[in-house]
Amino acid sequence: MMLFMVVVLVGVYLAITRRNKEETSTDEAAARSVQDMTDTQKLIAESAYRDYPSTPVQLLKYYNEITTCFYNEDYTEDELRSLAVISRKMLDDELVAQQTDSEYFEQLKKDIANLKLQGDYGTTIYKIDVTPSMDVEYFEHEGYECARLHDTFTMKQMVSGTIYYPVVRYIYVMRRDDDGHWKILGFKKEEEGAESASGNPLPNVGL
């Protein structure tokens, strides 16, 4: 009887140990898989369960993550298209109506290609600073709650062997829709009043 109990206990121990090893192996494989993903792939994967930003600052920071991927990352055309779909959902219906999905995507590709031609080896986004929450300007327009805030792009480019960090500042206007979600209604360069035709900021920093 005692021998039987020992055998049972050993069997249970081995089963639990094997199961724990399998679970650990699965967890490790998942962790390695995440580590191998690019920032673009992570953003696309997260979009399925990520909560929609609840404030103008949070929305702009999320939009900036996507913008940084647009101009800094390598990706497939399908991945770029997926990013474009996510970013377009952050735009106000009035801005979305200015272009079809196809027109938006084709213009976006032109915008990205244009930035990659600037400087000796193209231009990338070094960092983006967003207006602090306390400095967001809220106002009402035509019955809608709106917000105005700023984005400061610090770019990085090499010209004739010298690295420069040009700074471009954008003004964004957002509007809260009928579902209570903040959406980007428009933006412009602070010094020029220009904006990208795709609805995405295009830091034109050629020196």
C-alpha atoms as a PDB file:
ATOM      1  CA  MET A   1       0.000   0.000   0.000  1.00  0.00           C
ATOM      2  CA  MET A   2       2.799   2.392   0.910  1.00  0.00           C
ATOM      3  CA  LEU A   3       4.600   1.590  -2.351  1.00  0.00           C
ATOM      4  CA  PHE A   4       1.394   2.279  -4.288  1.00  0.00           C
ATOM      5  CA  MET A   5       1.024   5.727  -2.643  1.00  0.00           C
ATOM      6  CA  VAL A   6       4.635   6.608  -3.459  1.00  0.00           C
ATOM      7  CA  VAL A   7       4.111   5.671  -7.094  1.00  0.00           C
ATOM      8  CA  VAL A   8       0.936   7.804  -7.245  1.00  0.00           C
ATOM      9  CA  LEU A   9       2.654  10.796  -5.674  1.00  0.00           C
ATOM     10  CA  VAL A  10       5.617  10.493  -8.017  1.00  0.00           C
ATOM     11  CA  GLY A  11       3.225  10.287 -10.957  1.00  0.00           C
ATOM     12  CA  VAL A  12       1.336  13.397  -9.831  1.00  0.00           C
ATOM     13  CA  TYR A  13       4.619  15.244  -9.274  1.00  0.00           C
ATOM     14  CA  LEU A  14       5.891  14.338 -12.726  1.00  0.00           C
ATOM     15  CA  ALA A  15       2.584  15.366 -14.336  1.00  0.00           C
ATOM     16  CA  ILE A  16       2.599  18.746 -12.574  1.00  0.00           C
ATOM     17  CA  THR A  17       6.263  19.286 -13.392  1.00  0.00           C
ATOM     18  CA  ARG A  18       5.678  18.453 -17.075  1.00  0.00           C
ATOM     19  CA  ARG A  19       2.637  20.763 -17.229  1.00  0.00           C
ATOM     20  CA  ASN A  20       4.569  23.614 -15.570  1.00  0.00           C
ATOM     21  CA  LYS A  21       7.432  23.133 -18.021  1.00  0.00           C
ATOM     22  CA  GLU A  22       4.985  23.226 -20.934  1.00  0.00           C
ATOM     23  CA  GLU A  23       3.369  26.397 -19.578  1.00  0.00           C
ATOM     24  CA  THR A  24       6.779  27.985 -18.989  1.00  0.00           C
ATOM     25  CA  SER A  25       7.878  26.995 -22.480  1.00  0.00           C
ATOM     26  CA  THR A  26       4.706  28.544 -23.945  1.00  0.00           C
ATOM     27  CA  ASP A  27       5.180  31.742 -21.923  1.00  0.00           C
ATOM     28  CA  GLU A  28       8.821  31.987 -22.973  1.00  0.00           C
ATOM     29  CA  ALA A  29       7.905  31.458 -26.619  1.00  0.00           C
ATOM     30  CA  ALA A  30       5.252  34.178 -26.394  1.00  0.00           C
ATOM     31  CA  ALA A  31       7.735  36.542 -24.734  1.00  0.00           C
ATOM     32  CA  ARG A  32      10.297  35.869 -27.476  1.00  0.00           C
ATOM     33  CA  SER A  33       7.625  36.437 -30.097  1.00  0.00           C
ATOM     34  CA  VAL A  34       6.751  39.844 -28.619  1.00  0.00           C
ATOM     35  CA  GLN A  35      10.426  40.787 -28.388  1.00  0.00           C
ATOM     36  CA  ASP A  36      10.855  39.974 -32.073  1.00  0.00           C
ATOM     37  CA  MET A  37       7.960  42.212 -33.111  1.00  0.00           C
ATOM     38  CA  THR A  38       8.615  45.663 -34.539  1.00  0.00           C
ATOM     39  CA  ASP A  39       6.952  48.740 -33.017  1.00  0.00           C
ATOM     40  CA  THR A  40       4.593  48.745 -35.985  1.00  0.00           C
ATOM     41  CA  GLN A  41       3.547  45.146 -35.395  1.00  0.00           C
ATOM     42  CA  LYS A  42       3.061  45.797 -31.675  1.00  0.00           C
ATOM     43  CA  LEU A  43       0.812  48.803 -32.360  1.00  0.00           C
ATOM     44  CA  ILE A  44      -1.289  46.801 -34.807  1.00  0.00           C
ATOM     45  CA  ALA A  45      -1.614  43.879 -32.368  1.00  0.00           C
ATOM     46  CA  GLU A  46      -2.479  46.163 -29.428  1.00  0.00           C
ATOM     47  CA  SER A  47      -5.124  48.094 -31.351  1.00  0.00           C
ATOM     48  CA  ALA A  48      -7.643  45.264 -30.990  1.00  0.00           C
ATOM     49  CA  TYR A  49      -7.885  45.661 -27.206  1.00  0.00           C
ATOM     50  CA  ARG A  50      -6.448  49.114 -26.507  1.00  0.00           C
ATOM     51  CA  ASP A  51      -8.951  51.533 -24.974  1.00  0.00           C
ATOM     52  CA  TYR A  52      -9.741  54.612 -27.030  1.00  0.00           C
ATOM     53  CA  PRO A  53      -7.894  57.659 -25.583  1.00  0.00           C
ATOM     54  CA  SER A  54     -10.104  59.606 -23.185  1.00  0.00           C
ATOM     55  CA  THR A  55      -8.385  63.015 -23.386  1.00  0.00           C
ATOM     56  CA  PRO A  56      -6.959  65.199 -26.184  1.00  0.00           C
ATOM     57  CA  VAL A  57      -3.416  64.692 -24.863  1.00  0.00           C
ATOM     58  CA  GLN A  58      -3.801  60.898 -24.743  1.00  0.00           C
ATOM     59  CA  LEU A  59      -5.239  60.895 -28.260  1.00  0.00           C
ATOM     60  CA  LEU A  60      -2.379  62.961 -29.635  1.00  0.00           C
ATOM     61  CA  LYS A  61       0.216  60.761 -27.937  1.00  0.00           C
ATOM     62  CA  TYR A  62      -1.357  57.665 -29.490  1.00  0.00           C
ATOM     63  CA  TYR A  63      -1.500  59.394 -32.869  1.00  0.00           C
ATOM     64  CA  ASN A  64       2.175  60.296 -32.464  1.00  0.00           C
ATOM     65  CA  GLU A  65       3.106  56.663 -31.878  1.00  0.00           C
ATOM     66  CA  ILE A  66       1.573  55.828 -35.237  1.00  0.00           C
ATOM     67  CA  THR A  67       3.141  58.852 -36.939  1.00  0.00           C
ATOM     68  CA  THR A  68       6.568  57.812 -35.640  1.00  0.00           C
ATOM     69  CA  CYS A  69       6.069  54.346 -37.124  1.00  0.00           C
ATOM     70  CA  PHE A  70       5.028  55.901 -40.442  1.00  0.00           C
ATOM     71  CA  TYR A  71       8.281  57.810 -40.802  1.00  0.00           C
ATOM     72  CA  ASN A  72      10.816  55.766 -38.807  1.00  0.00           C
ATOM     73  CA  GLU A  73       9.937  52.098 -39.265  1.00  0.00           C
ATOM     74  CA  ASP A  74      10.299  49.464 -41.949  1.00  0.00           C
ATOM     75  CA  TYR A  75       7.075  47.581 -42.694  1.00  0.00           C
ATOM     76  CA  THR A  76       5.156  45.717 -45.335  1.00  0.00           C
ATOM     77  CA  GLU A  77       2.474  47.460 -47.366  1.00  0.00           C
ATOM     78  CA  ASP A  78      -0.196  45.509 -45.483  1.00  0.00           C
ATOM     79  CA  GLU A  79       1.234  46.683 -42.151  1.00  0.00           C
ATOM     80  CA  LEU A  80       1.294  50.279 -43.371  1.00  0.00           C
ATOM     81  CA  ARG A  81      -2.306  49.931 -44.492  1.00  0.00           C
ATOM     82  CA  SER A  82      -3.275  48.581 -41.053  1.00  0.00           C
ATOM     83  CA  LEU A  83      -1.558  51.531 -39.370  1.00  0.00           C
ATOM     84  CA  ALA A  84      -3.368  53.913 -41.709  1.00  0.00           C
ATOM     85  CA  VAL A  85      -6.723  52.395 -40.757  1.00  0.00           C
ATOM     86  CA  ILE A  86      -5.955  52.891 -37.045  1.00  0.00           C
ATOM     87  CA  SER A  87      -4.848  56.504 -37.520  1.00  0.00           C
ATOM     88  CA  ARG A  88      -7.873  57.338 -39.681  1.00  0.00           C
ATOM     89  CA  LYS A  89     -10.191  56.265 -36.881  1.00  0.00           C
ATOM     90  CA  MET A  90      -8.751  59.120 -34.812  1.00  0.00           C
ATOM     91  CA  LEU A  91      -9.842  61.744 -37.347  1.00  0.00           C
ATOM     92  CA  ASP A  92     -13.094  63.681 -37.196  1.00  0.00           C
ATOM     93  CA  ASP A  93     -15.711  62.668 -39.771  1.00  0.00           C
ATOM     94  CA  GLU A  94     -15.396  66.096 -41.372  1.00  0.00           C
ATOM     95  CA  LEU A  95     -11.680  65.528 -42.006  1.00  0.00           C
ATOM     96  CA  VAL A  96     -12.181  61.925 -43.110  1.00  0.00           C
ATOM     97  CA  ALA A  97     -14.749  63.034 -45.696  1.00  0.00           C
ATOM     98  CA  GLN A  98     -12.108  65.049 -47.551  1.00  0.00           C
ATOM     99  CA  GLN A  99     -10.517  61.852 -48.927  1.00  0.00           C
ATOM    100  CA  THR A 100     -11.487  58.291 -49.700  1.00  0.00           C
ATOM    101  CA  ASP A 101      -9.566  55.558 -47.896  1.00  0.00           C
ATOM    102  CA  SER A 102      -7.638  54.872 -51.097  1.00  0.00           C
ATOM    103  CA  GLU A 103      -6.736  58.540 -51.641  1.00  0.00           C
ATOM    104  CA  TYR A 104      -5.642  58.847 -48.029  1.00  0.00           C
ATOM    105  CA  PHE A 105      -3.377  55.801 -48.287  1.00  0.00           C
ATOM    106  CA  GLU A 106      -1.755  56.844 -51.562  1.00  0.00           C
ATOM    107  CA  GLN A 107      -1.076  60.364 -50.268  1.00  0.00           C
ATOM    108  CA  LEU A 108       0.325  58.941 -47.040  1.00  0.00           C
ATOM    109  CA  LYS A 109       2.833  56.862 -49.017  1.00  0.00           C
ATOM    110  CA  LYS A 110       3.902  59.977 -50.933  1.00  0.00           C
ATOM    111  CA  ASP A 111       4.333  61.914 -47.680  1.00  0.00           C
ATOM    112  CA  ILE A 112       6.518  59.161 -46.228  1.00  0.00           C
ATOM    113  CA  ALA A 113       8.601  58.874 -49.407  1.00  0.00           C
ATOM    114  CA  ASN A 114       9.108  62.646 -49.438  1.00  0.00           C
ATOM    115  CA  LEU A 115      10.546  62.676 -45.923  1.00  0.00           C
ATOM    116  CA  LYS A 116      12.876  59.783 -46.705  1.00  0.00           C
ATOM    117  CA  LEU A 117      14.400  61.887 -49.516  1.00  0.00           C
ATOM    118  CA  GLN A 118      15.348  64.763 -47.230  1.00  0.00           C
ATOM    119  CA  GLY A 119      18.940  64.962 -45.998  1.00  0.00           C
ATOM    120  CA  ASP A 120      21.774  62.614 -46.910  1.00  0.00           C
ATOM    121  CA  TYR A 121      20.032  59.468 -45.647  1.00  0.00           C
ATOM    122  CA  GLY A 122      16.477  60.588 -45.125  1.00  0.00           C
ATOM    123  CA  THR A 123      14.936  62.298 -42.115  1.00  0.00           C
ATOM    124  CA  THR A 124      13.512  60.591 -39.040  1.00  0.00           C
ATOM    125  CA  ILE A 125      11.531  61.691 -36.000  1.00  0.00           C
ATOM    126  CA  TYR A 126      13.873  62.034 -33.031  1.00  0.00           C
ATOM    127  CA  LYS A 127      11.164  62.858 -30.478  1.00  0.00           C
ATOM    128  CA  ILE A 128       7.717  64.467 -30.183  1.00  0.00           C
ATOM    129  CA  ASP A 129       6.612  66.617 -27.260  1.00  0.00           C
ATOM    130  CA  VAL A 130       2.918  67.150 -26.589  1.00  0.00           C
ATOM    131  CA  THR A 131       1.269  70.070 -24.806  1.00  0.00           C
ATOM    132  CA  PRO A 132       0.887  69.311 -21.065  1.00  0.00           C
ATOM    133  CA  SER A 133      -2.717  68.632 -20.047  1.00  0.00           C
ATOM    134  CA  MET A 134      -2.842  71.849 -18.012  1.00  0.00           C
ATOM    135  CA  ASP A 135      -2.061  73.905 -21.134  1.00  0.00           C
ATOM    136  CA  VAL A 136      -4.738  72.435 -23.413  1.00  0.00           C
ATOM    137  CA  GLU A 137      -7.153  75.175 -24.516  1.00  0.00           C
ATOM    138  CA  TYR A 138     -10.802  74.072 -24.381  1.00  0.00           C
ATOM    139  CA  PHE A 139     -13.553  75.985 -26.155  1.00  0.00           C
ATOM    140  CA  GLU A 140     -17.003  75.493 -27.665  1.00  0.00           C
ATOM    141  CA  HIS A 141     -17.741  75.805 -31.374  1.00  0.00           C
ATOM    142  CA  GLU A 142     -21.121  75.266 -33.033  1.00  0.00           C
ATOM    143  CA  GLY A 143     -22.351  73.311 -30.037  1.00  0.00           C
ATOM    144  CA  TYR A 144     -19.347  70.997 -29.875  1.00  0.00           C
ATOM    145  CA  GLU A 145     -16.674  70.805 -27.199  1.00  0.00           C
ATOM    146  CA  CYS A 146     -13.303  71.446 -28.819  1.00  0.00           C
ATOM    147  CA  ALA A 147      -9.667  71.512 -27.757  1.00  0.00           C
ATOM    148  CA  ARG A 148      -6.533  73.152 -29.091  1.00  0.00           C
ATOM    149  CA  LEU A 149      -3.056  71.821 -28.292  1.00  0.00           C
ATOM    150  CA  HIS A 150       0.448  71.649 -29.718  1.00  0.00           C
ATOM    151  CA  ASP A 151       2.864  69.015 -30.923  1.00  0.00           C
ATOM    152  CA  THR A 152       6.584  69.758 -31.214  1.00  0.00           C
ATOM    153  CA  PHE A 153       8.510  67.500 -33.575  1.00  0.00           C
ATOM    154  CA  THR A 154      12.282  67.273 -33.189  1.00  0.00           C
ATOM    155  CA  MET A 155      13.613  65.693 -36.358  1.00  0.00           C
ATOM    156  CA  LYS A 156      16.993  64.135 -37.084  1.00  0.00           C
ATOM    157  CA  GLN A 157      18.729  64.443 -40.413  1.00  0.00           C
ATOM    158  CA  MET A 158      22.244  64.523 -41.813  1.00  0.00           C
ATOM    159  CA  VAL A 159      23.182  67.152 -44.385  1.00  0.00           C
ATOM    160  CA  SER A 160      26.656  67.099 -45.943  1.00  0.00           C
ATOM    161  CA  GLY A 161      27.907  64.930 -43.095  1.00  0.00           C
ATOM    162  CA  THR A 162      26.551  67.143 -40.313  1.00  0.00           C
ATOM    163  CA  ILE A 163      23.658  65.993 -38.095  1.00  0.00           C
ATOM    164  CA  TYR A 164      20.876  68.525 -37.508  1.00  0.00           C
ATOM    165  CA  TYR A 165      17.850  68.439 -35.218  1.00  0.00           C
ATOM    166  CA  PRO A 166      15.285  70.766 -36.832  1.00  0.00           C
ATOM    167  CA  VAL A 167      12.171  71.528 -34.800  1.00  0.00           C
ATOM    168  CA  VAL A 168       8.675  71.800 -36.285  1.00  0.00           C
ATOM    169  CA  ARG A 169       5.625  72.802 -34.230  1.00  0.00           C
ATOM    170  CA  TYR A 170       2.029  71.915 -35.069  1.00  0.00           C
ATOM    171  CA  ILE A 171      -1.266  73.216 -33.740  1.00  0.00           C
ATOM    172  CA  TYR A 172      -4.028  70.605 -33.462  1.00  0.00           C
ATOM    173  CA  VAL A 173      -7.741  71.190 -33.069  1.00  0.00           C
ATOM    174  CA  MET A 174      -9.878  68.341 -31.764  1.00  0.00           C
ATOM    175  CA  ARG A 175     -13.608  67.953 -31.409  1.00  0.00           C
ATOM    176  CA  ARG A 176     -15.587  65.624 -29.162  1.00  0.00           C
ATOM    177  CA  ASP A 177     -18.030  63.577 -31.246  1.00  0.00           C
ATOM    178  CA  ASP A 178     -21.539  62.445 -30.358  1.00  0.00           C
ATOM    179  CA  ASP A 179     -20.138  59.315 -28.705  1.00  0.00           C
ATOM    180  CA  GLY A 180     -17.909  61.389 -26.434  1.00  0.00           C
ATOM    181  CA  HIS A 181     -14.690  60.529 -28.269  1.00  0.00           C
ATOM    182  CA  TRP A 182     -12.107  63.165 -29.073  1.00  0.00           C
ATOM    183  CA  LYS A 183     -11.230  63.270 -32.776  1.00  0.00           C
ATOM    184  CA  ILE A 184      -8.680  65.294 -34.732  1.00  0.00           C
ATOM    185  CA  LEU A 185     -10.528  67.962 -36.692  1.00  0.00           C
ATOM    186  CA  GLY A 186      -7.462  69.590 -38.238  1.00  0.00           C
ATOM    187  CA  PHE A 187      -3.907  70.770 -37.732  1.00  0.00           C
ATOM    188  CA  LYS A 188      -1.410  73.167 -39.224  1.00  0.00           C
ATOM    189  CA  LYS A 189       2.227  74.107 -38.989  1.00  0.00           C
ATOM    190  CA  GLU A 190       2.474  76.935 -36.521  1.00  0.00           C
ATOM    191  CA  GLU A 191       4.787  79.057 -38.656  1.00  0.00           C
ATOM    192  CA  GLU A 192       3.417  78.261 -42.116  1.00  0.00           C
ATOM    193  CA  GLY A 193      -0.207  77.234 -41.799  1.00  0.00           C
ATOM    194  CA  ALA A 194       0.437  74.235 -44.051  1.00  0.00           C
ATOM    195  CA  GLU A 195      -0.755  70.682 -43.599  1.00  0.00           C
ATOM    196  CA  SER A 196      -0.234  67.330 -45.238  1.00  0.00           C
ATOM    197  CA  ALA A 197      -2.836  66.328 -47.781  1.00  0.00           C
ATOM    198  CA  SER A 198      -3.128  62.896 -46.144  1.00  0.00           C
ATOM    199  CA  GLY A 199      -4.231  64.328 -42.822  1.00  0.00           C
ATOM    200  CA  ASN A 200      -0.942  63.312 -41.226  1.00  0.00           C
ATOM    201  CA  PRO A 201       1.690  65.778 -40.069  1.00  0.00           C
ATOM    202  CA  LEU A 202       4.521  66.000 -42.536  1.00  0.00           C
ATOM    203  CA  PRO A 203       7.501  67.709 -40.948  1.00  0.00           C
ATOM    204  CA  ASN A 204       9.073  69.388 -43.985  1.00  0.00           C
ATOM    205  CA  VAL A 205      12.504  70.099 -42.550  1.00  0.00           C
ATOM    206  CA  GLY A 206      14.735  70.308 -45.599  1.00  0.00           C
ATOM    207  CA  LEU A 207      17.742  72.546 -44.920  1.00  0.00           C
END
